[in-house]
Amino acid sequence: MIPENSTSTAAARTSGAHGPPEAGRRPVVGVSLKLYFGLAATRQWLTDVAALRGALAALPRPVDLFVLPAFPALADARELLADTGVAYGAQDVHWAESGAWTGEVSAGMLAETGARYVEVGHAERRRHFGETDATVAAKTGAAVRAGLVPVVCAGERHDNGLAQAVEETLIQVRAALGGAGPDSEVIIAYEPVWAIGAREPAPARHVRTVASAVRACLRDHGVRGRVVYGGTAGPGTFGRLAGSVDGLFLGRLAHDTANLRHVLEEVAAATAPAPLPLRP
């Protein structure tokens, strides 16, 4: 339960040099490791991600890449991803800056670790830990105040058609943005819950329709936002969605960094500007 004196709205802090240059539309790929790896396995995976540095530099268009390991691995991320161009962050954050909140981690503390991004509002947090729209708004506000980019997860629980998907998703997005403030930088990860861990991602037409509604909502709130898709996303997904989303939010398919590299190349190629015609 959020205490009454918790701040749910905040003036935005503008992003620094790591922010996207084109009004929030630079392509982006994120990976959440959830709780699949132990510390040693996470360290090895981060080492493999760091080895993608050359591939990132060779992309036809820059793509922002961030990874979200478990809290104990943030120090490893800081060490292993230094000077690679890969950002990192956390999978959750608390709304309070300090106090008697046993087991919680503040946004300010995350910023001190060098974290750039933080995930908030994932469907698993809602289902297993009782997080509500008010909780997500408070956490979003805390992230923004600390200079972090909140990765706000939103999506409908059941596949009951496009109208229901748009309505349910926008309720969540509007609530979260209430904690952000104008000109904040945010990422909305559209993740239909019924597609998380499924055999196939949501249909492209479905994703395009919801993503378009989310993007209009971002404009209405005056935030610098990007929209990514998650939910059984992997190689081949972005090619079907190019033009409607700004990137992907990956899970287990990115445990193999060869898949991650393929996704990065696909995103960069699909969003690269068309070459100028040759002069006659």
Protein backbone atom coordinates (compact mmCIF):
# COMPACT_ATOMS: atom_id res chain seq x y z
CA MET A 1 0.00 0.00 0.00
CA ILE A 2 1.33 3.43 -0.91
CA PRO A 3 1.48 5.80 2.08
CA GLU A 4 -0.57 8.98 1.85
CA ASN A 5 2.51 11.20 1.88
CA SER A 6 4.09 9.37 -1.08
CA THR A 7 4.66 11.65 -4.07
CA SER A 8 2.86 10.36 -7.16
CA THR A 9 3.72 13.24 -9.47
CA ALA A 10 6.94 15.08 -10.03
CA ALA A 11 8.61 17.61 -12.20
CA ALA A 12 10.69 15.78 -14.75
CA ARG A 13 14.43 15.73 -14.82
CA THR A 14 15.64 15.90 -18.37
CA SER A 15 17.89 13.09 -19.55
CA GLY A 16 21.59 13.56 -19.96
CA ALA A 17 23.99 12.62 -22.69
CA HIS A 18 22.65 9.08 -22.81
CA GLY A 19 19.19 10.18 -23.94
CA PRO A 20 17.92 9.64 -27.48
CA PRO A 21 18.60 12.53 -29.85
CA GLU A 22 15.50 12.36 -32.04
CA ALA A 23 12.61 13.38 -29.79
CA GLY A 24 12.50 9.98 -28.13
CA ARG A 25 12.32 7.91 -31.32
CA ARG A 26 15.75 6.34 -31.48
CA PRO A 27 15.31 2.55 -31.71
CA VAL A 28 15.80 0.65 -28.47
CA VAL A 29 16.10 -2.98 -27.37
CA GLY A 30 15.85 -4.04 -23.73
CA VAL A 31 16.39 -7.36 -21.97
CA SER A 32 15.06 -8.38 -18.54
CA LEU A 33 16.72 -11.43 -17.03
CA LYS A 34 14.02 -11.81 -14.36
CA LEU A 35 15.22 -14.50 -11.92
CA TYR A 36 16.44 -17.07 -14.41
CA PHE A 37 20.18 -16.75 -13.72
CA GLY A 38 22.30 -16.98 -10.62
CA LEU A 39 25.10 -14.48 -10.05
CA ALA A 40 27.81 -16.47 -11.85
CA ALA A 41 25.56 -17.14 -14.85
CA THR A 42 24.54 -13.48 -14.97
CA ARG A 43 28.17 -12.43 -14.96
CA GLN A 44 28.91 -14.76 -17.88
CA TRP A 45 25.90 -13.45 -19.80
CA LEU A 46 26.98 -9.85 -19.21
CA THR A 47 30.42 -10.79 -20.51
CA ASP A 48 28.81 -12.18 -23.65
CA VAL A 49 26.72 -9.01 -24.05
CA ALA A 50 29.84 -6.88 -23.66
CA ALA A 51 31.34 -8.85 -26.54
CA LEU A 52 28.59 -7.42 -28.78
CA ARG A 53 30.30 -4.03 -28.61
CA GLY A 54 31.74 -4.36 -32.10
CA ALA A 55 28.42 -5.50 -33.53
CA LEU A 56 26.67 -2.52 -31.95
CA ALA A 57 29.20 -0.11 -33.45
CA ALA A 58 28.77 -1.67 -36.90
CA LEU A 59 24.99 -1.33 -37.05
CA PRO A 60 23.67 0.79 -39.96
CA ARG A 61 21.86 2.96 -37.43
CA PRO A 62 22.52 3.32 -33.69
CA VAL A 63 20.26 1.25 -31.45
CA ASP A 64 20.04 1.81 -27.70
CA LEU A 65 20.57 -1.46 -25.84
CA PHE A 66 19.88 -1.89 -22.14
CA VAL A 67 19.86 -4.92 -19.87
CA LEU A 68 18.12 -5.46 -16.54
CA PRO A 69 19.80 -8.05 -14.31
CA ALA A 70 18.85 -8.83 -10.71
CA PHE A 71 19.86 -6.30 -8.04
CA PRO A 72 23.00 -8.17 -6.81
CA ALA A 73 24.44 -8.13 -10.35
CA LEU A 74 24.32 -4.35 -10.85
CA ALA A 75 27.92 -4.01 -9.71
CA ASP A 76 28.93 -6.65 -12.25
CA ALA A 77 27.00 -4.81 -14.95
CA ARG A 78 28.81 -1.59 -14.09
CA GLU A 79 32.17 -3.33 -14.38
CA LEU A 80 31.57 -5.52 -17.42
CA LEU A 81 29.56 -3.09 -19.56
CA ALA A 82 31.79 -0.07 -19.04
CA ASP A 83 32.68 1.61 -22.36
CA THR A 84 30.58 -0.84 -24.38
CA GLY A 85 27.65 1.44 -25.20
CA VAL A 86 25.31 -0.97 -23.39
CA ALA A 87 23.25 0.58 -20.58
CA TYR A 88 21.88 -1.29 -17.61
CA GLY A 89 19.25 -0.95 -14.96
CA ALA A 90 16.99 -2.73 -12.51
CA GLN A 91 13.80 -4.76 -12.65
CA ASP A 92 12.02 -2.87 -9.88
CA VAL A 93 12.28 0.18 -7.63
CA HIS A 94 10.61 1.54 -4.52
CA TRP A 95 8.66 4.79 -4.46
CA ALA A 96 10.31 6.16 -1.31
CA GLU A 97 13.70 7.85 -1.29
CA SER A 98 14.60 6.44 2.15
CA GLY A 99 13.07 5.13 5.34
CA ALA A 100 11.94 1.97 7.09
CA TRP A 101 11.26 -0.06 3.96
CA THR A 102 12.94 -3.38 4.65
CA GLY A 103 14.17 -5.14 1.53
CA GLU A 104 13.42 -2.27 -0.85
CA VAL A 105 15.75 -0.32 -3.15
CA SER A 106 15.35 3.38 -3.90
CA ALA A 107 15.67 5.06 -7.28
CA GLY A 108 18.45 7.24 -5.93
CA MET A 109 20.45 4.19 -4.90
CA LEU A 110 19.97 2.70 -8.36
CA ALA A 111 21.22 5.92 -9.93
CA GLU A 112 24.32 5.71 -7.71
CA THR A 113 25.11 2.30 -9.20
CA GLY A 114 25.18 3.85 -12.65
CA ALA A 115 21.81 2.41 -13.64
CA ARG A 116 20.02 4.25 -16.42
CA TYR A 117 16.73 2.36 -16.75
CA VAL A 118 14.27 0.74 -14.35
CA GLU A 119 11.34 -1.55 -15.09
CA VAL A 120 8.05 -0.80 -13.37
CA GLY A 121 4.60 -2.35 -13.42
CA HIS A 122 5.33 -5.74 -14.95
CA ALA A 123 2.33 -8.07 -15.03
CA GLU A 124 4.12 -10.48 -12.69
CA ARG A 125 4.54 -7.69 -10.12
CA ARG A 126 0.84 -6.93 -10.39
CA ARG A 127 -0.24 -10.56 -10.16
CA HIS A 128 2.11 -11.88 -7.48
CA PHE A 129 2.81 -8.78 -5.38
CA GLY A 130 -0.45 -6.89 -5.66
CA GLU A 131 0.92 -3.82 -7.43
CA THR A 132 -1.76 -1.41 -8.63
CA ASP A 133 -1.90 1.51 -11.03
CA ALA A 134 -1.23 3.81 -8.06
CA THR A 135 1.87 1.79 -7.14
CA VAL A 136 3.18 1.98 -10.69
CA ALA A 137 2.56 5.74 -10.86
CA ALA A 138 4.47 6.29 -7.59
CA LYS A 139 7.39 4.16 -8.79
CA THR A 140 7.42 5.94 -12.14
CA GLY A 141 7.61 9.29 -10.38
CA ALA A 142 10.44 8.10 -8.15
CA ALA A 143 12.40 6.90 -11.18
CA VAL A 144 11.96 10.18 -13.04
CA ARG A 145 12.97 12.27 -10.03
CA ALA A 146 16.19 10.27 -9.75
CA GLY A 147 17.02 10.79 -13.43
CA LEU A 148 16.22 7.21 -14.44
CA VAL A 149 14.19 6.19 -17.47
CA PRO A 150 11.18 4.13 -16.34
CA VAL A 151 10.31 1.19 -18.56
CA VAL A 152 6.59 1.03 -17.88
CA CYS A 153 5.02 -2.33 -18.66
CA ALA A 154 1.38 -2.25 -19.72
CA GLY A 155 -0.97 -4.62 -21.47
CA GLU A 156 -4.29 -6.40 -21.30
CA ARG A 157 -4.66 -9.64 -19.37
CA HIS A 158 -6.81 -11.58 -21.82
CA ASP A 159 -7.18 -11.75 -25.59
CA ASN A 160 -10.67 -10.28 -25.78
CA GLY A 161 -10.27 -8.20 -28.92
CA LEU A 162 -8.67 -4.93 -29.91
CA ALA A 163 -11.12 -2.57 -28.24
CA GLN A 164 -10.58 -4.21 -24.86
CA ALA A 165 -6.83 -4.32 -25.42
CA VAL A 166 -6.64 -0.59 -26.15
CA GLU A 167 -8.90 0.36 -23.24
CA GLU A 168 -7.13 -1.76 -20.63
CA THR A 169 -3.65 -0.77 -21.79
CA LEU A 170 -4.40 2.96 -21.88
CA ILE A 171 -5.81 2.87 -18.34
CA GLN A 172 -2.46 1.55 -17.15
CA VAL A 173 -0.40 3.93 -19.29
CA ARG A 174 -2.34 7.04 -18.25
CA ALA A 175 -2.01 6.12 -14.59
CA ALA A 176 1.75 5.59 -14.88
CA LEU A 177 2.28 8.83 -16.79
CA GLY A 178 0.51 10.66 -13.99
CA GLY A 179 3.69 10.09 -12.01
CA ALA A 180 6.05 11.27 -14.73
CA GLY A 181 5.42 14.92 -15.46
CA PRO A 182 5.76 16.85 -18.75
CA ASP A 183 8.88 16.29 -20.87
CA SER A 184 9.89 13.20 -18.89
CA GLU A 185 11.64 10.45 -20.80
CA VAL A 186 9.83 7.13 -20.58
CA ILE A 187 9.60 3.83 -22.41
CA ILE A 188 6.27 2.05 -22.61
CA ALA A 189 6.66 -1.70 -23.01
CA TYR A 190 3.43 -2.98 -24.48
CA GLU A 191 3.19 -6.55 -23.22
CA PRO A 192 -0.17 -8.27 -23.62
CA VAL A 193 -0.17 -10.62 -20.65
CA TRP A 194 -1.67 -13.47 -22.64
CA ALA A 195 1.31 -13.34 -25.02
CA ILE A 196 4.03 -13.46 -22.32
CA GLY A 197 5.63 -16.90 -22.46
CA ALA A 198 3.29 -18.00 -25.25
CA ARG A 199 4.38 -19.91 -28.34
CA GLU A 200 3.93 -16.88 -30.61
CA PRO A 201 3.88 -13.10 -30.12
CA ALA A 202 0.64 -11.17 -30.47
CA PRO A 203 -0.48 -10.65 -34.10
CA ALA A 204 1.15 -7.69 -35.83
CA ARG A 205 -2.15 -5.90 -36.53
CA HIS A 206 -3.06 -6.17 -32.86
CA VAL A 207 0.27 -4.73 -31.71
CA ARG A 208 0.17 -1.91 -34.26
CA THR A 209 -3.29 -0.81 -33.17
CA VAL A 210 -2.48 -0.74 -29.45
CA ALA A 211 0.94 0.84 -30.02
CA SER A 212 -0.64 3.64 -32.06
CA ALA A 213 -3.07 4.38 -29.21
CA VAL A 214 -0.22 4.36 -26.69
CA ARG A 215 1.83 6.76 -28.81
CA ALA A 216 -1.10 9.19 -29.00
CA CYS A 217 -1.37 8.97 -25.22
CA LEU A 218 2.31 9.85 -24.85
CA ARG A 219 1.81 12.92 -27.04
CA ASP A 220 -1.22 13.96 -25.01
CA HIS A 221 0.85 13.83 -21.81
CA GLY A 222 3.76 15.75 -23.33
CA VAL A 223 6.39 13.16 -22.48
CA ARG A 224 9.35 12.06 -24.58
CA GLY A 225 8.35 8.45 -24.97
CA ARG A 226 9.21 5.39 -26.96
CA VAL A 227 7.00 2.34 -27.42
CA VAL A 228 8.44 -1.17 -27.51
CA TYR A 229 6.79 -4.57 -27.77
CA GLY A 230 7.34 -7.49 -25.41
CA GLY A 231 5.62 -10.85 -25.16
CA THR A 232 7.44 -13.77 -26.78
CA ALA A 233 9.48 -11.27 -28.79
CA GLY A 234 12.59 -12.43 -30.60
CA PRO A 235 14.24 -12.64 -34.02
CA GLY A 236 11.71 -11.89 -36.72
CA THR A 237 9.28 -10.01 -34.47
CA PHE A 238 10.42 -6.48 -35.22
CA GLY A 239 10.32 -6.99 -38.97
CA ARG A 240 6.56 -7.50 -38.70
CA LEU A 241 6.12 -4.44 -36.49
CA ALA A 242 8.53 -1.92 -38.02
CA GLY A 243 7.04 1.53 -38.22
CA SER A 244 4.63 0.96 -35.33
CA VAL A 245 7.02 0.38 -32.42
CA ASP A 246 10.48 1.71 -31.59
CA GLY A 247 11.99 -1.58 -30.53
CA LEU A 248 11.55 -4.75 -28.49
CA PHE A 249 11.63 -5.81 -24.85
CA LEU A 250 13.12 -9.30 -24.71
CA GLY A 251 13.09 -12.14 -22.22
CA ARG A 252 14.34 -15.70 -22.45
CA LEU A 253 15.03 -15.56 -26.19
CA ALA A 254 17.87 -13.14 -25.41
CA HIS A 255 19.58 -15.60 -23.06
CA ASP A 256 21.40 -16.68 -26.21
CA THR A 257 23.26 -13.52 -27.19
CA ALA A 258 23.35 -14.71 -30.81
CA ASN A 259 19.58 -14.13 -30.81
CA LEU A 260 20.12 -10.72 -29.22
CA ARG A 261 22.61 -9.77 -31.90
CA HIS A 262 20.19 -10.88 -34.61
CA VAL A 263 17.44 -8.72 -33.10
CA LEU A 264 19.74 -5.69 -32.92
CA GLU A 265 20.68 -6.10 -36.58
CA GLU A 266 17.03 -6.52 -37.55
CA VAL A 267 15.95 -3.41 -35.65
CA ALA A 268 18.77 -1.30 -37.08
CA ALA A 269 18.13 -2.45 -40.63
CA ALA A 270 14.38 -1.95 -40.43
CA THR A 271 14.68 1.59 -39.11
CA ALA A 272 17.70 2.73 -41.10
CA PRO A 273 17.00 5.68 -43.43
CA ALA A 274 16.70 4.79 -47.10
CA PRO A 275 19.89 5.52 -49.08
CA LEU A 276 19.93 8.62 -51.25
CA PRO A 277 19.47 7.91 -54.97
CA LEU A 278 22.55 8.01 -57.10
CA ARG A 279 22.99 11.03 -59.33
CA PRO A 280 22.47 10.30 -63.05
